Amino acid sequence: MPKVLIDLDHRPVSIRHPNQFVLDSCLFYLRNQHHVRKRSISMPDRHQGGFIAFIYQAFDPRWIITWDEKRLSLKEEE
């Protein structure tokens, strides 16, 4: 299962994943756990394929990394 990719060099910061449900789940987590509200919805990424979303406020990328590692470890247990 692929990881959520975070592009910190892009302004606004973008996050990508091949699965829209995973990306939406990540955005939901950021909103509910860390109050990240200034963001786009997930949308098809016409350049690289998969899905992309933009985050318009400061946040700690470790939040996404930690969430994603937990998601991947739960998938491995199944």
PDB file of N, CA and C in Angstrom:
ATOM      1  N   MET A   1       0.845  -1.180   0.000  1.00  0.00           N
ATOM      2  CA  MET A   1       0.000   0.000   0.000  1.00  0.00           C
ATOM      3  C   MET A   1       0.889   1.242   0.000  1.00  0.00           C
ATOM      4  N   PRO A   2       0.670   2.178  -0.930  1.00  0.00           N
ATOM      5  CA  PRO A   2       1.518   3.372  -1.002  1.00  0.00           C
ATOM      6  C   PRO A   2       1.260   4.354   0.143  1.00  0.00           C
ATOM      7  N   LYS A   3       2.280   5.156   0.405  1.00  0.00           N
ATOM      8  CA  LYS A   3       2.191   6.187   1.441  1.00  0.00           C
ATOM      9  C   LYS A   3       1.561   7.457   0.873  1.00  0.00           C
ATOM     10  N   VAL A   4       1.049   8.289   1.762  1.00  0.00           N
ATOM     11  CA  VAL A   4       0.586   9.618   1.385  1.00  0.00           C
ATOM     12  C   VAL A   4       1.832  10.465   1.152  1.00  0.00           C
ATOM     13  N   LEU A   5       1.902  11.116  -0.002  1.00  0.00           N
ATOM     14  CA  LEU A   5       3.057  11.948  -0.340  1.00  0.00           C
ATOM     15  C   LEU A   5       2.767  13.399   0.014  1.00  0.00           C
ATOM     16  N   ILE A   6       3.729  14.042   0.648  1.00  0.00           N
ATOM     17  CA  ILE A   6       3.608  15.440   1.059  1.00  0.00           C
ATOM     18  C   ILE A   6       4.628  16.242   0.264  1.00  0.00           C
ATOM     19  N   ASP A   7       4.176  17.257  -0.468  1.00  0.00           N
ATOM     20  CA  ASP A   7       5.078  18.111  -1.244  1.00  0.00           C
ATOM     21  C   ASP A   7       5.211  19.452  -0.530  1.00  0.00           C
ATOM     22  N   LEU A   8       6.237  19.548   0.308  1.00  0.00           N
ATOM     23  CA  LEU A   8       6.456  20.778   1.079  1.00  0.00           C
ATOM     24  C   LEU A   8       7.089  21.880   0.239  1.00  0.00           C
ATOM     25  N   ASP A   9       7.635  21.530  -0.931  1.00  0.00           N
ATOM     26  CA  ASP A   9       8.246  22.534  -1.806  1.00  0.00           C
ATOM     27  C   ASP A   9       7.200  23.279  -2.622  1.00  0.00           C
ATOM     28  N   HIS A  10       6.026  22.751  -2.705  1.00  0.00           N
ATOM     29  CA  HIS A  10       4.938  23.359  -3.467  1.00  0.00           C
ATOM     30  C   HIS A  10       4.184  24.337  -2.569  1.00  0.00           C
ATOM     31  N   ARG A  11       3.770  25.482  -3.106  1.00  0.00           N
ATOM     32  CA  ARG A  11       2.954  26.433  -2.352  1.00  0.00           C
ATOM     33  C   ARG A  11       1.646  26.622  -3.075  1.00  0.00           C
ATOM     34  N   PRO A  12       0.525  26.288  -2.496  1.00  0.00           N
ATOM     35  CA  PRO A  12       0.368  25.714  -1.164  1.00  0.00           C
ATOM     36  C   PRO A  12       0.872  24.274  -1.124  1.00  0.00           C
ATOM     37  N   VAL A  13       1.113  23.798   0.087  1.00  0.00           N
ATOM     38  CA  VAL A  13       1.577  22.428   0.281  1.00  0.00           C
ATOM     39  C   VAL A  13       0.516  21.479  -0.286  1.00  0.00           C
ATOM     40  N   SER A  14       0.981  20.448  -0.982  1.00  0.00           N
ATOM     41  CA  SER A  14       0.037  19.468  -1.523  1.00  0.00           C
ATOM     42  C   SER A  14       0.303  18.097  -0.924  1.00  0.00           C
ATOM     43  N   ILE A  15      -0.757  17.310  -0.853  1.00  0.00           N
ATOM     44  CA  ILE A  15      -0.633  15.909  -0.447  1.00  0.00           C
ATOM     45  C   ILE A  15      -1.279  15.070  -1.542  1.00  0.00           C
ATOM     46  N   ARG A  16      -0.686  13.893  -1.795  1.00  0.00           N
ATOM     47  CA  ARG A  16      -1.146  13.038  -2.895  1.00  0.00           C
ATOM     48  C   ARG A  16      -1.262  11.592  -2.447  1.00  0.00           C
ATOM     49  N   HIS A  17      -2.186  10.887  -3.094  1.00  0.00           N
ATOM     50  CA  HIS A  17      -2.305   9.439  -2.888  1.00  0.00           C
ATOM     51  C   HIS A  17      -3.118   8.876  -4.053  1.00  0.00           C
ATOM     52  N   PRO A  18      -2.847   7.626  -4.450  1.00  0.00           N
ATOM     53  CA  PRO A  18      -3.619   7.023  -5.544  1.00  0.00           C
ATOM     54  C   PRO A  18      -5.091   6.778  -5.204  1.00  0.00           C
ATOM     55  N   ASN A  19      -5.419   6.685  -3.918  1.00  0.00           N
ATOM     56  CA  ASN A  19      -6.770   6.349  -3.488  1.00  0.00           C
ATOM     57  C   ASN A  19      -7.435   7.575  -2.857  1.00  0.00           C
ATOM     58  N   GLN A  20      -8.560   7.998  -3.412  1.00  0.00           N
ATOM     59  CA  GLN A  20      -9.246   9.186  -2.900  1.00  0.00           C
ATOM     60  C   GLN A  20      -9.746   8.988  -1.472  1.00  0.00           C
ATOM     61  N   PHE A  21     -10.201   7.785  -1.134  1.00  0.00           N
ATOM     62  CA  PHE A  21     -10.684   7.523   0.220  1.00  0.00           C
ATOM     63  C   PHE A  21      -9.573   7.736   1.247  1.00  0.00           C
ATOM     64  N   VAL A  22      -8.354   7.281   0.943  1.00  0.00           N
ATOM     65  CA  VAL A  22      -7.224   7.459   1.862  1.00  0.00           C
ATOM     66  C   VAL A  22      -6.928   8.944   2.030  1.00  0.00           C
ATOM     67  N   LEU A  23      -6.909   9.686   0.936  1.00  0.00           N
ATOM     68  CA  LEU A  23      -6.631  11.124   1.012  1.00  0.00           C
ATOM     69  C   LEU A  23      -7.721  11.845   1.810  1.00  0.00           C
ATOM     70  N   ASP A  24      -8.980  11.507   1.568  1.00  0.00           N
ATOM     71  CA  ASP A  24     -10.077  12.121   2.322  1.00  0.00           C
ATOM     72  C   ASP A  24      -9.998  11.762   3.807  1.00  0.00           C
ATOM     73  N   SER A  25      -9.602  10.536   4.108  1.00  0.00           N
ATOM     74  CA  SER A  25      -9.443  10.119   5.509  1.00  0.00           C
ATOM     75  C   SER A  25      -8.339  10.916   6.189  1.00  0.00           C
ATOM     76  N   CYS A  26      -7.269  11.171   5.466  1.00  0.00           N
ATOM     77  CA  CYS A  26      -6.165  11.971   6.005  1.00  0.00           C
ATOM     78  C   CYS A  26      -6.630  13.403   6.281  1.00  0.00           C
ATOM     79  N   LEU A  27      -7.364  13.987   5.347  1.00  0.00           N
ATOM     80  CA  LEU A  27      -7.881  15.347   5.540  1.00  0.00           C
ATOM     81  C   LEU A  27      -8.855  15.406   6.715  1.00  0.00           C
ATOM     82  N   PHE A  28      -9.684  14.395   6.856  1.00  0.00           N
ATOM     83  CA  PHE A  28     -10.625  14.303   7.971  1.00  0.00           C
ATOM     84  C   PHE A  28      -9.859  14.253   9.296  1.00  0.00           C
ATOM     85  N   TYR A  29      -8.803  13.439   9.343  1.00  0.00           N
ATOM     86  CA  TYR A  29      -7.954  13.338  10.538  1.00  0.00           C
ATOM     87  C   TYR A  29      -7.328  14.700  10.863  1.00  0.00           C
ATOM     88  N   LEU A  30      -6.776  15.367   9.867  1.00  0.00           N
ATOM     89  CA  LEU A  30      -6.149  16.671  10.109  1.00  0.00           C
ATOM     90  C   LEU A  30      -7.161  17.682  10.642  1.00  0.00           C
ATOM     91  N   ARG A  31      -8.367  17.649  10.102  1.00  0.00           N
ATOM     92  CA  ARG A  31      -9.405  18.582  10.558  1.00  0.00           C
ATOM     93  C   ARG A  31      -9.826  18.286  11.992  1.00  0.00           C
ATOM     94  N   ASN A  32     -10.084  17.035  12.295  1.00  0.00           N
ATOM     95  CA  ASN A  32     -10.635  16.683  13.605  1.00  0.00           C
ATOM     96  C   ASN A  32      -9.603  16.643  14.722  1.00  0.00           C
ATOM     97  N   GLN A  33      -8.392  16.238  14.424  1.00  0.00           N
ATOM     98  CA  GLN A  33      -7.374  16.097  15.467  1.00  0.00           C
ATOM     99  C   GLN A  33      -6.474  17.314  15.611  1.00  0.00           C
ATOM    100  N   HIS A  34      -6.272  18.060  14.522  1.00  0.00           N
ATOM    101  CA  HIS A  34      -5.302  19.161  14.555  1.00  0.00           C
ATOM    102  C   HIS A  34      -5.884  20.484  14.059  1.00  0.00           C
ATOM    103  N   HIS A  35      -7.178  20.529  13.834  1.00  0.00           N
ATOM    104  CA  HIS A  35      -7.887  21.758  13.460  1.00  0.00           C
ATOM    105  C   HIS A  35      -7.356  22.390  12.175  1.00  0.00           C
ATOM    106  N   VAL A  36      -6.929  21.555  11.230  1.00  0.00           N
ATOM    107  CA  VAL A  36      -6.493  22.046   9.923  1.00  0.00           C
ATOM    108  C   VAL A  36      -7.750  22.176   9.063  1.00  0.00           C
ATOM    109  N   ARG A  37      -8.200  23.408   8.883  1.00  0.00           N
ATOM    110  CA  ARG A  37      -9.455  23.649   8.179  1.00  0.00           C
ATOM    111  C   ARG A  37      -9.256  24.329   6.823  1.00  0.00           C
ATOM    112  N   LYS A  38      -8.149  25.022   6.657  1.00  0.00           N
ATOM    113  CA  LYS A  38      -7.906  25.735   5.399  1.00  0.00           C
ATOM    114  C   LYS A  38      -7.244  24.781   4.417  1.00  0.00           C
ATOM    115  N   ARG A  39      -8.097  24.118   3.637  1.00  0.00           N
ATOM    116  CA  ARG A  39      -7.619  23.097   2.712  1.00  0.00           C
ATOM    117  C   ARG A  39      -8.603  22.960   1.565  1.00  0.00           C
ATOM    118  N   SER A  40      -8.138  22.341   0.506  1.00  0.00           N
ATOM    119  CA  SER A  40      -9.033  22.052  -0.611  1.00  0.00           C
ATOM    120  C   SER A  40      -9.713  20.709  -0.369  1.00  0.00           C
ATOM    121  N   ILE A  41     -10.621  20.372  -1.241  1.00  0.00           N
ATOM    122  CA  ILE A  41     -11.142  19.013  -1.268  1.00  0.00           C
ATOM    123  C   ILE A  41     -10.161  18.172  -2.080  1.00  0.00           C
ATOM    124  N   SER A  42     -10.259  16.862  -1.975  1.00  0.00           N
ATOM    125  CA  SER A  42      -9.416  16.015  -2.822  1.00  0.00           C
ATOM    126  C   SER A  42      -9.980  16.055  -4.238  1.00  0.00           C
ATOM    127  N   MET A  43      -9.075  16.026  -5.211  1.00  0.00           N
ATOM    128  CA  MET A  43      -9.479  16.091  -6.617  1.00  0.00           C
ATOM    129  C   MET A  43      -8.519  15.255  -7.450  1.00  0.00           C
ATOM    130  N   PRO A  44      -8.933  14.846  -8.637  1.00  0.00           N
ATOM    131  CA  PRO A  44      -8.026  14.071  -9.487  1.00  0.00           C
ATOM    132  C   PRO A  44      -6.770  14.880  -9.821  1.00  0.00           C
ATOM    133  N   ASP A  45      -5.635  14.207  -9.781  1.00  0.00           N
ATOM    134  CA  ASP A  45      -4.354  14.826 -10.138  1.00  0.00           C
ATOM    135  C   ASP A  45      -4.102  14.526 -11.613  1.00  0.00           C
ATOM    136  N   ARG A  46      -4.299  15.519 -12.465  1.00  0.00           N
ATOM    137  CA  ARG A  46      -4.175  15.316 -13.907  1.00  0.00           C
ATOM    138  C   ARG A  46      -2.731  15.143 -14.356  1.00  0.00           C
ATOM    139  N   HIS A  47      -1.773  15.571 -13.536  1.00  0.00           N
ATOM    140  CA  HIS A  47      -0.367  15.508 -13.943  1.00  0.00           C
ATOM    141  C   HIS A  47       0.295  14.195 -13.560  1.00  0.00           C
ATOM    142  N   GLN A  48       0.039  13.714 -12.353  1.00  0.00           N
ATOM    143  CA  GLN A  48       0.733  12.520 -11.870  1.00  0.00           C
ATOM    144  C   GLN A  48      -0.199  11.333 -11.659  1.00  0.00           C
ATOM    145  N   GLY A  49      -1.486  11.525 -11.860  1.00  0.00           N
ATOM    146  CA  GLY A  49      -2.450  10.458 -11.602  1.00  0.00           C
ATOM    147  C   GLY A  49      -2.787  10.401 -10.122  1.00  0.00           C
ATOM    148  N   GLY A  50      -3.778   9.645  -9.766  1.00  0.00           N
ATOM    149  CA  GLY A  50      -4.208   9.567  -8.374  1.00  0.00           C
ATOM    150  C   GLY A  50      -5.000  10.804  -7.993  1.00  0.00           C
ATOM    151  N   PHE A  51      -4.855  11.213  -6.740  1.00  0.00           N
ATOM    152  CA  PHE A  51      -5.615  12.348  -6.220  1.00  0.00           C
ATOM    153  C   PHE A  51      -4.696  13.298  -5.471  1.00  0.00           C
ATOM    154  N   ILE A  52      -5.107  14.561  -5.404  1.00  0.00           N
ATOM    155  CA  ILE A  52      -4.306  15.603  -4.775  1.00  0.00           C
ATOM    156  C   ILE A  52      -5.224  16.505  -3.950  1.00  0.00           C
ATOM    157  N   ALA A  53      -4.671  17.077  -2.883  1.00  0.00           N
ATOM    158  CA  ALA A  53      -5.368  18.095  -2.088  1.00  0.00           C
ATOM    159  C   ALA A  53      -4.326  19.118  -1.659  1.00  0.00           C
ATOM    160  N   PHE A  54      -4.765  20.339  -1.427  1.00  0.00           N
ATOM    161  CA  PHE A  54      -3.876  21.422  -1.021  1.00  0.00           C
ATOM    162  C   PHE A  54      -4.221  21.866   0.392  1.00  0.00           C
ATOM    163  N   ILE A  55      -3.188  22.195   1.161  1.00  0.00           N
ATOM    164  CA  ILE A  55      -3.377  22.668   2.533  1.00  0.00           C
ATOM    165  C   ILE A  55      -2.866  24.102   2.586  1.00  0.00           C
ATOM    166  N   TYR A  56      -3.730  25.025   3.008  1.00  0.00           N
ATOM    167  CA  TYR A  56      -3.457  26.451   2.950  1.00  0.00           C
ATOM    168  C   TYR A  56      -3.075  27.066   4.287  1.00  0.00           C
ATOM    169  N   GLN A  57      -2.793  26.275   5.283  1.00  0.00           N
ATOM    170  CA  GLN A  57      -2.384  26.812   6.577  1.00  0.00           C
ATOM    171  C   GLN A  57      -1.191  26.024   7.088  1.00  0.00           C
ATOM    172  N   ALA A  58      -0.502  26.594   8.059  1.00  0.00           N
ATOM    173  CA  ALA A  58       0.666  25.917   8.633  1.00  0.00           C
ATOM    174  C   ALA A  58       0.225  24.649   9.358  1.00  0.00           C
ATOM    175  N   PHE A  59       1.007  23.595   9.194  1.00  0.00           N
ATOM    176  CA  PHE A  59       0.753  22.335   9.891  1.00  0.00           C
ATOM    177  C   PHE A  59       2.070  21.587   9.998  1.00  0.00           C
ATOM    178  N   ASP A  60       2.093  20.622  10.872  1.00  0.00           N
ATOM    179  CA  ASP A  60       3.288  19.806  11.069  1.00  0.00           C
ATOM    180  C   ASP A  60       3.169  18.565  10.186  1.00  0.00           C
ATOM    181  N   PRO A  61       4.051  18.386   9.208  1.00  0.00           N
ATOM    182  CA  PRO A  61       3.948  17.213   8.335  1.00  0.00           C
ATOM    183  C   PRO A  61       4.074  15.892   9.085  1.00  0.00           C
ATOM    184  N   ARG A  62       4.649  15.929  10.278  1.00  0.00           N
ATOM    185  CA  ARG A  62       4.752  14.697  11.074  1.00  0.00           C
ATOM    186  C   ARG A  62       3.376  14.162  11.446  1.00  0.00           C
ATOM    187  N   TRP A  63       2.362  15.033  11.497  1.00  0.00           N
ATOM    188  CA  TRP A  63       1.008  14.568  11.780  1.00  0.00           C
ATOM    189  C   TRP A  63       0.559  13.583  10.700  1.00  0.00           C
ATOM    190  N   ILE A  64       0.819  13.929   9.446  1.00  0.00           N
ATOM    191  CA  ILE A  64       0.437  13.053   8.338  1.00  0.00           C
ATOM    192  C   ILE A  64       1.286  11.792   8.346  1.00  0.00           C
ATOM    193  N   ILE A  65       2.575  11.946   8.569  1.00  0.00           N
ATOM    194  CA  ILE A  65       3.483  10.794   8.575  1.00  0.00           C
ATOM    195  C   ILE A  65       3.061   9.798   9.650  1.00  0.00           C
ATOM    196  N   THR A  66       2.778  10.288  10.843  1.00  0.00           N
ATOM    197  CA  THR A  66       2.361   9.413  11.944  1.00  0.00           C
ATOM    198  C   THR A  66       1.033   8.735  11.628  1.00  0.00           C
ATOM    199  N   TRP A  67       0.075   9.500  11.119  1.00  0.00           N
ATOM    200  CA  TRP A  67      -1.226   8.935  10.749  1.00  0.00           C
ATOM    201  C   TRP A  67      -1.055   7.852   9.687  1.00  0.00           C
ATOM    202  N   ASP A  68      -0.225   8.134   8.687  1.00  0.00           N
ATOM    203  CA  ASP A  68      -0.031   7.195   7.586  1.00  0.00           C
ATOM    204  C   ASP A  68       0.675   5.922   8.051  1.00  0.00           C
ATOM    205  N   GLU A  69       1.664   6.054   8.920  1.00  0.00           N
ATOM    206  CA  GLU A  69       2.350   4.869   9.448  1.00  0.00           C
ATOM    207  C   GLU A  69       1.375   3.987  10.230  1.00  0.00           C
ATOM    208  N   LYS A  70       0.502   4.619  10.999  1.00  0.00           N
ATOM    209  CA  LYS A  70      -0.499   3.854  11.752  1.00  0.00           C
ATOM    210  C   LYS A  70      -1.462   3.153  10.796  1.00  0.00           C
ATOM    211  N   ARG A  71      -1.895   3.862   9.757  1.00  0.00           N
ATOM    212  CA  ARG A  71      -2.799   3.274   8.760  1.00  0.00           C
ATOM    213  C   ARG A  71      -2.149   2.067   8.088  1.00  0.00           C
ATOM    214  N   LEU A  72      -0.888   2.206   7.710  1.00  0.00           N
ATOM    215  CA  LEU A  72      -0.189   1.116   7.030  1.00  0.00           C
ATOM    216  C   LEU A  72       0.046  -0.073   7.959  1.00  0.00           C
ATOM    217  N   SER A  73       0.343   0.195   9.228  1.00  0.00           N
ATOM    218  CA  SER A  73       0.568  -0.913  10.163  1.00  0.00           C
ATOM    219  C   SER A  73      -0.732  -1.676  10.424  1.00  0.00           C
ATOM    220  N   LEU A  74      -1.859  -0.985  10.440  1.00  0.00           N
ATOM    221  CA  LEU A  74      -3.148  -1.660  10.611  1.00  0.00           C
ATOM    222  C   LEU A  74      -3.479  -2.518   9.391  1.00  0.00           C
ATOM    223  N   LYS A  75      -3.109  -2.055   8.203  1.00  0.00           N
ATOM    224  CA  LYS A  75      -3.336  -2.833   6.984  1.00  0.00           C
ATOM    225  C   LYS A  75      -2.516  -4.112   6.999  1.00  0.00           C
ATOM    226  N   GLU A  76      -1.286  -4.038   7.518  1.00  0.00           N
ATOM    227  CA  GLU A  76      -0.412  -5.211   7.563  1.00  0.00           C
ATOM    228  C   GLU A  76      -0.956  -6.275   8.508  1.00  0.00           C
ATOM    229  N   GLU A  77      -1.639  -5.846   9.564  1.00  0.00           N
ATOM    230  CA  GLU A  77      -2.182  -6.783  10.545  1.00  0.00           C
ATOM    231  C   GLU A  77      -3.381  -7.553   9.996  1.00  0.00           C
ATOM    232  N   GLU A  78      -4.060  -7.005   8.995  1.00  0.00           N
ATOM    233  CA  GLU A  78      -5.270  -7.653   8.458  1.00  0.00           C
ATOM    234  C   GLU A  78      -4.940  -8.890   7.666  1.00  0.00           C
TER     235      GLU A  78
END
